[in-house]
Amino acid sequence: MEQDLADFFATGYLNPEQADMLHTAICDLLNDLRPDAVPLVDSFNFSDYVLNSSLGRYDGQVYESLFEYARRPENPLNQSDVPDGIKEFISPLIRGEAGNRLTAEGSRHPAKL
């Protein structure tokens, strides 16, 4: 319901107060569920391989797993070269210069590609 809240508003099924009550109820239920989330998922006996997730790993090696995944050649982010202009965009950010550039209008703009 919360994902499609606009539809419920448009049809008059919910009003803003009811939407707030819905959100509060969801947060309360998630707080109640949180302590049991890992055991519940573990009860399905999915392996780390099947889940293909770096988070919630059985061995607890979350950050090591994320780093290893990022380094894999088959990672979609590693399939292409750095786009034209990105080095010129990143260099001022690294040096801390991009945020200090002012336009003629006096507003701040980051470096442009």
N, C-alpha and C. Protein backbone atom coordinates (compact mmCIF):
# COMPACT_ATOMS: atom_id res chain seq x y z
N MET A 1 0.82 -1.20 0.00
CA MET A 1 0.00 0.00 0.00
C MET A 1 0.86 1.25 0.00
N GLU A 2 1.94 1.21 0.80
CA GLU A 2 2.76 2.41 0.93
C GLU A 2 3.44 2.75 -0.39
N GLN A 3 3.82 1.75 -1.17
CA GLN A 3 4.46 2.00 -2.46
C GLN A 3 3.50 2.66 -3.45
N ASP A 4 2.23 2.34 -3.38
CA ASP A 4 1.23 2.87 -4.31
C ASP A 4 0.29 3.84 -3.61
N LEU A 5 0.80 4.59 -2.68
CA LEU A 5 -0.02 5.49 -1.87
C LEU A 5 -0.78 6.51 -2.71
N ALA A 6 -0.18 6.97 -3.79
CA ALA A 6 -0.85 7.96 -4.64
C ALA A 6 -2.16 7.42 -5.19
N ASP A 7 -2.18 6.14 -5.53
CA ASP A 7 -3.41 5.53 -6.04
C ASP A 7 -4.49 5.51 -4.96
N PHE A 8 -4.10 5.22 -3.75
CA PHE A 8 -5.08 5.18 -2.66
C PHE A 8 -5.61 6.58 -2.33
N PHE A 9 -4.72 7.59 -2.47
CA PHE A 9 -5.18 8.98 -2.29
C PHE A 9 -6.14 9.37 -3.41
N ALA A 10 -5.76 9.03 -4.65
CA ALA A 10 -6.56 9.45 -5.82
C ALA A 10 -7.97 8.86 -5.78
N THR A 11 -8.10 7.66 -5.26
CA THR A 11 -9.42 7.02 -5.21
C THR A 11 -10.18 7.39 -3.93
N GLY A 12 -9.51 8.12 -3.03
CA GLY A 12 -10.17 8.51 -1.80
C GLY A 12 -10.22 7.39 -0.76
N TYR A 13 -9.51 6.31 -1.03
CA TYR A 13 -9.50 5.18 -0.11
C TYR A 13 -8.77 5.51 1.18
N LEU A 14 -7.71 6.35 1.09
CA LEU A 14 -6.96 6.77 2.27
C LEU A 14 -6.84 8.28 2.30
N ASN A 15 -6.76 8.83 3.51
CA ASN A 15 -6.47 10.25 3.66
C ASN A 15 -5.07 10.38 4.27
N PRO A 16 -4.48 11.57 4.32
CA PRO A 16 -3.12 11.72 4.84
C PRO A 16 -2.92 11.19 6.26
N GLU A 17 -3.91 11.35 7.12
CA GLU A 17 -3.79 10.83 8.48
C GLU A 17 -3.68 9.31 8.48
N GLN A 18 -4.49 8.67 7.64
CA GLN A 18 -4.43 7.21 7.55
C GLN A 18 -3.10 6.75 6.95
N ALA A 19 -2.57 7.54 6.00
CA ALA A 19 -1.26 7.20 5.42
C ALA A 19 -0.17 7.27 6.48
N ASP A 20 -0.24 8.26 7.36
CA ASP A 20 0.72 8.35 8.47
C ASP A 20 0.59 7.16 9.40
N MET A 21 -0.65 6.75 9.67
CA MET A 21 -0.87 5.58 10.52
C MET A 21 -0.30 4.32 9.87
N LEU A 22 -0.46 4.20 8.54
CA LEU A 22 0.08 3.06 7.80
C LEU A 22 1.60 3.03 7.93
N HIS A 23 2.24 4.18 7.70
CA HIS A 23 3.70 4.25 7.80
C HIS A 23 4.18 3.88 9.21
N THR A 24 3.51 4.40 10.22
CA THR A 24 3.87 4.08 11.61
C THR A 24 3.73 2.59 11.88
N ALA A 25 2.64 2.00 11.39
CA ALA A 25 2.42 0.57 11.60
C ALA A 25 3.51 -0.26 10.91
N ILE A 26 3.90 0.14 9.70
CA ILE A 26 4.95 -0.58 8.99
C ILE A 26 6.26 -0.50 9.76
N CYS A 27 6.61 0.69 10.23
CA CYS A 27 7.86 0.86 11.00
C CYS A 27 7.83 0.03 12.27
N ASP A 28 6.69 -0.01 12.95
CA ASP A 28 6.57 -0.81 14.17
C ASP A 28 6.73 -2.30 13.87
N LEU A 29 6.10 -2.75 12.79
CA LEU A 29 6.21 -4.17 12.41
C LEU A 29 7.64 -4.53 12.02
N LEU A 30 8.32 -3.63 11.31
CA LEU A 30 9.71 -3.90 10.94
C LEU A 30 10.60 -3.96 12.17
N ASN A 31 10.34 -3.08 13.14
CA ASN A 31 11.11 -3.13 14.40
C ASN A 31 10.87 -4.44 15.14
N ASP A 32 9.64 -4.93 15.11
CA ASP A 32 9.34 -6.21 15.75
C ASP A 32 10.00 -7.37 15.02
N LEU A 33 10.07 -7.28 13.70
CA LEU A 33 10.62 -8.36 12.87
C LEU A 33 12.14 -8.38 12.85
N ARG A 34 12.77 -7.22 12.99
CA ARG A 34 14.22 -7.09 12.83
C ARG A 34 15.03 -8.11 13.62
N PRO A 35 14.75 -8.36 14.91
CA PRO A 35 15.58 -9.33 15.65
C PRO A 35 15.50 -10.75 15.09
N ASP A 36 14.42 -11.06 14.39
CA ASP A 36 14.23 -12.41 13.86
C ASP A 36 14.50 -12.52 12.37
N ALA A 37 14.93 -11.43 11.72
CA ALA A 37 15.08 -11.43 10.27
C ALA A 37 16.12 -12.45 9.80
N VAL A 38 17.29 -12.44 10.40
CA VAL A 38 18.34 -13.37 9.97
C VAL A 38 17.92 -14.82 10.21
N PRO A 39 17.43 -15.17 11.40
CA PRO A 39 16.99 -16.56 11.58
C PRO A 39 15.86 -16.96 10.61
N LEU A 40 14.95 -16.04 10.31
CA LEU A 40 13.89 -16.37 9.36
C LEU A 40 14.45 -16.67 7.98
N VAL A 41 15.37 -15.84 7.51
CA VAL A 41 15.98 -16.09 6.20
C VAL A 41 16.80 -17.38 6.24
N ASP A 42 17.55 -17.56 7.32
CA ASP A 42 18.35 -18.79 7.46
C ASP A 42 17.47 -20.04 7.45
N SER A 43 16.25 -19.93 7.93
CA SER A 43 15.37 -21.09 8.00
C SER A 43 15.01 -21.64 6.62
N PHE A 44 15.15 -20.81 5.57
CA PHE A 44 14.91 -21.29 4.21
C PHE A 44 16.12 -22.04 3.67
N ASN A 45 17.24 -21.97 4.37
CA ASN A 45 18.45 -22.71 4.05
C ASN A 45 19.00 -22.38 2.66
N PHE A 46 18.91 -21.11 2.25
CA PHE A 46 19.52 -20.69 1.00
C PHE A 46 21.01 -20.47 1.25
N SER A 47 21.84 -20.93 0.35
CA SER A 47 23.28 -20.73 0.51
C SER A 47 23.64 -19.30 0.10
N ASP A 48 24.83 -18.85 0.51
CA ASP A 48 25.31 -17.54 0.10
C ASP A 48 25.39 -17.48 -1.43
N TYR A 49 25.72 -18.60 -2.06
CA TYR A 49 25.82 -18.64 -3.51
C TYR A 49 24.46 -18.37 -4.15
N VAL A 50 23.42 -18.99 -3.64
CA VAL A 50 22.08 -18.81 -4.20
C VAL A 50 21.58 -17.38 -3.95
N LEU A 51 21.81 -16.86 -2.76
CA LEU A 51 21.37 -15.51 -2.44
C LEU A 51 22.14 -14.47 -3.24
N ASN A 52 23.40 -14.78 -3.57
CA ASN A 52 24.28 -13.88 -4.31
C ASN A 52 24.27 -12.49 -3.68
N SER A 53 24.40 -12.46 -2.37
CA SER A 53 24.39 -11.21 -1.64
C SER A 53 25.63 -11.12 -0.77
N SER A 54 26.22 -9.94 -0.76
CA SER A 54 27.37 -9.72 0.12
C SER A 54 26.91 -9.41 1.53
N LEU A 55 25.68 -8.92 1.67
CA LEU A 55 25.15 -8.59 2.99
C LEU A 55 24.52 -9.82 3.62
N GLY A 56 24.65 -9.95 4.90
CA GLY A 56 24.06 -11.09 5.60
C GLY A 56 24.77 -12.39 5.31
N ARG A 57 26.02 -12.33 4.98
CA ARG A 57 26.77 -13.55 4.66
C ARG A 57 26.91 -14.43 5.90
N TYR A 58 26.90 -15.71 5.66
CA TYR A 58 27.02 -16.67 6.76
C TYR A 58 28.36 -16.52 7.48
N ASP A 59 29.43 -16.23 6.70
CA ASP A 59 30.76 -16.11 7.31
C ASP A 59 31.05 -14.73 7.89
N GLY A 60 30.13 -13.77 7.69
CA GLY A 60 30.30 -12.43 8.25
C GLY A 60 31.27 -11.55 7.50
N GLN A 61 31.79 -12.01 6.38
CA GLN A 61 32.79 -11.26 5.61
C GLN A 61 32.12 -10.31 4.61
N VAL A 62 31.32 -9.38 5.11
CA VAL A 62 30.53 -8.49 4.26
C VAL A 62 31.41 -7.58 3.42
N TYR A 63 32.31 -6.83 4.05
CA TYR A 63 33.10 -5.85 3.32
C TYR A 63 34.11 -6.52 2.39
N GLU A 64 34.68 -7.60 2.83
CA GLU A 64 35.61 -8.33 1.97
C GLU A 64 34.90 -8.85 0.72
N SER A 65 33.68 -9.33 0.92
CA SER A 65 32.89 -9.84 -0.20
C SER A 65 32.50 -8.73 -1.17
N LEU A 66 32.08 -7.57 -0.64
CA LEU A 66 31.74 -6.44 -1.51
C LEU A 66 32.95 -6.00 -2.33
N PHE A 67 34.12 -5.94 -1.69
CA PHE A 67 35.33 -5.53 -2.40
C PHE A 67 35.68 -6.54 -3.48
N GLU A 68 35.60 -7.82 -3.16
CA GLU A 68 35.92 -8.85 -4.14
C GLU A 68 34.96 -8.80 -5.33
N TYR A 69 33.66 -8.59 -5.06
CA TYR A 69 32.69 -8.48 -6.14
C TYR A 69 33.00 -7.28 -7.04
N ALA A 70 33.38 -6.17 -6.43
CA ALA A 70 33.69 -4.97 -7.20
C ALA A 70 34.90 -5.18 -8.10
N ARG A 71 35.82 -6.04 -7.70
CA ARG A 71 37.04 -6.29 -8.48
C ARG A 71 36.84 -7.28 -9.61
N ARG A 72 35.77 -8.05 -9.61
CA ARG A 72 35.57 -9.09 -10.64
C ARG A 72 35.46 -8.47 -12.04
N PRO A 73 36.14 -9.08 -13.01
CA PRO A 73 36.05 -8.57 -14.39
C PRO A 73 34.64 -8.65 -14.97
N GLU A 74 33.84 -9.62 -14.52
CA GLU A 74 32.48 -9.78 -15.07
C GLU A 74 31.47 -8.81 -14.45
N ASN A 75 31.91 -8.03 -13.44
CA ASN A 75 31.05 -7.01 -12.86
C ASN A 75 30.68 -6.02 -13.96
N PRO A 76 29.38 -5.72 -14.13
CA PRO A 76 28.96 -4.82 -15.21
C PRO A 76 29.67 -3.46 -15.19
N LEU A 77 30.04 -2.98 -14.02
CA LEU A 77 30.74 -1.70 -13.94
C LEU A 77 32.16 -1.78 -14.50
N ASN A 78 32.68 -3.00 -14.64
CA ASN A 78 34.03 -3.18 -15.16
C ASN A 78 34.03 -3.53 -16.64
N GLN A 79 32.89 -3.45 -17.30
CA GLN A 79 32.79 -3.86 -18.69
C GLN A 79 33.16 -2.77 -19.69
N SER A 80 33.26 -1.55 -19.26
CA SER A 80 33.57 -0.47 -20.20
C SER A 80 34.69 0.40 -19.65
N ASP A 81 35.29 1.13 -20.58
CA ASP A 81 36.33 2.08 -20.18
C ASP A 81 35.70 3.27 -19.48
N VAL A 82 36.53 4.07 -18.88
CA VAL A 82 36.06 5.29 -18.23
C VAL A 82 35.52 6.22 -19.32
N PRO A 83 34.30 6.75 -19.17
CA PRO A 83 33.73 7.63 -20.19
C PRO A 83 34.57 8.89 -20.39
N ASP A 84 34.51 9.43 -21.62
CA ASP A 84 35.22 10.67 -21.93
C ASP A 84 34.80 11.77 -20.95
N GLY A 85 35.77 12.52 -20.49
CA GLY A 85 35.48 13.66 -19.64
C GLY A 85 35.42 13.35 -18.15
N ILE A 86 35.33 12.08 -17.78
CA ILE A 86 35.15 11.77 -16.36
C ILE A 86 36.39 12.13 -15.55
N LYS A 87 37.58 11.93 -16.12
CA LYS A 87 38.79 12.28 -15.39
C LYS A 87 38.87 13.79 -15.15
N GLU A 88 38.44 14.55 -16.15
CA GLU A 88 38.44 16.00 -16.00
C GLU A 88 37.42 16.44 -14.96
N PHE A 89 36.35 15.68 -14.83
CA PHE A 89 35.30 15.98 -13.84
C PHE A 89 35.75 15.61 -12.43
N ILE A 90 36.39 14.46 -12.30
CA ILE A 90 36.77 13.93 -10.99
C ILE A 90 37.97 14.68 -10.41
N SER A 91 38.95 15.03 -11.23
CA SER A 91 40.17 15.67 -10.72
C SER A 91 39.89 16.90 -9.86
N PRO A 92 39.04 17.85 -10.31
CA PRO A 92 38.75 19.01 -9.44
C PRO A 92 38.03 18.62 -8.16
N LEU A 93 37.20 17.57 -8.22
CA LEU A 93 36.51 17.13 -7.00
C LEU A 93 37.51 16.59 -5.99
N ILE A 94 38.48 15.84 -6.47
CA ILE A 94 39.49 15.26 -5.58
C ILE A 94 40.34 16.37 -4.97
N ARG A 95 40.67 17.38 -5.76
CA ARG A 95 41.49 18.49 -5.25
C ARG A 95 40.67 19.47 -4.43
N GLY A 96 39.32 19.33 -4.40
CA GLY A 96 38.48 20.21 -3.62
C GLY A 96 38.22 21.54 -4.29
N GLU A 97 38.40 21.61 -5.60
CA GLU A 97 38.24 22.88 -6.30
C GLU A 97 36.85 23.07 -6.88
N ALA A 98 36.14 22.00 -7.18
CA ALA A 98 34.88 22.11 -7.91
C ALA A 98 33.83 22.90 -7.16
N GLY A 99 33.73 22.75 -5.85
CA GLY A 99 32.70 23.43 -5.08
C GLY A 99 32.94 24.92 -4.92
N ASN A 100 34.13 25.39 -5.27
CA ASN A 100 34.46 26.80 -5.08
C ASN A 100 34.24 27.65 -6.32
N ARG A 101 33.86 27.02 -7.42
CA ARG A 101 33.65 27.77 -8.66
C ARG A 101 32.32 28.49 -8.62
N LEU A 102 32.32 29.77 -8.91
CA LEU A 102 31.09 30.56 -8.96
C LEU A 102 30.84 30.98 -10.39
N THR A 103 29.58 30.95 -10.78
CA THR A 103 29.20 31.43 -12.11
C THR A 103 28.96 32.93 -12.05
N ALA A 104 28.71 33.53 -13.21
CA ALA A 104 28.45 34.96 -13.26
C ALA A 104 27.23 35.33 -12.43
N GLU A 105 26.27 34.39 -12.31
CA GLU A 105 25.07 34.66 -11.52
C GLU A 105 25.32 34.52 -10.03
N GLY A 106 26.51 33.98 -9.66
CA GLY A 106 26.83 33.85 -8.25
C GLY A 106 26.38 32.55 -7.64
N SER A 107 25.81 31.63 -8.43
CA SER A 107 25.39 30.35 -7.86
C SER A 107 26.50 29.33 -8.05
N ARG A 108 26.54 28.37 -7.16
CA ARG A 108 27.56 27.32 -7.23
C ARG A 108 27.13 26.24 -8.20
N HIS A 109 28.07 25.78 -9.02
CA HIS A 109 27.84 24.66 -9.93
C HIS A 109 29.05 23.76 -9.85
N PRO A 110 28.84 22.45 -9.80
CA PRO A 110 30.00 21.55 -9.84
C PRO A 110 30.65 21.61 -11.21
N ALA A 111 31.83 21.08 -11.29
CA ALA A 111 32.51 21.01 -12.58
C ALA A 111 31.62 20.27 -13.57
N LYS A 112 31.67 20.70 -14.81
CA LYS A 112 30.82 20.09 -15.83
C LYS A 112 31.66 19.18 -16.71
N LEU A 113 31.00 18.12 -17.21
CA LEU A 113 31.68 17.20 -18.12
C LEU A 113 31.98 17.87 -19.44
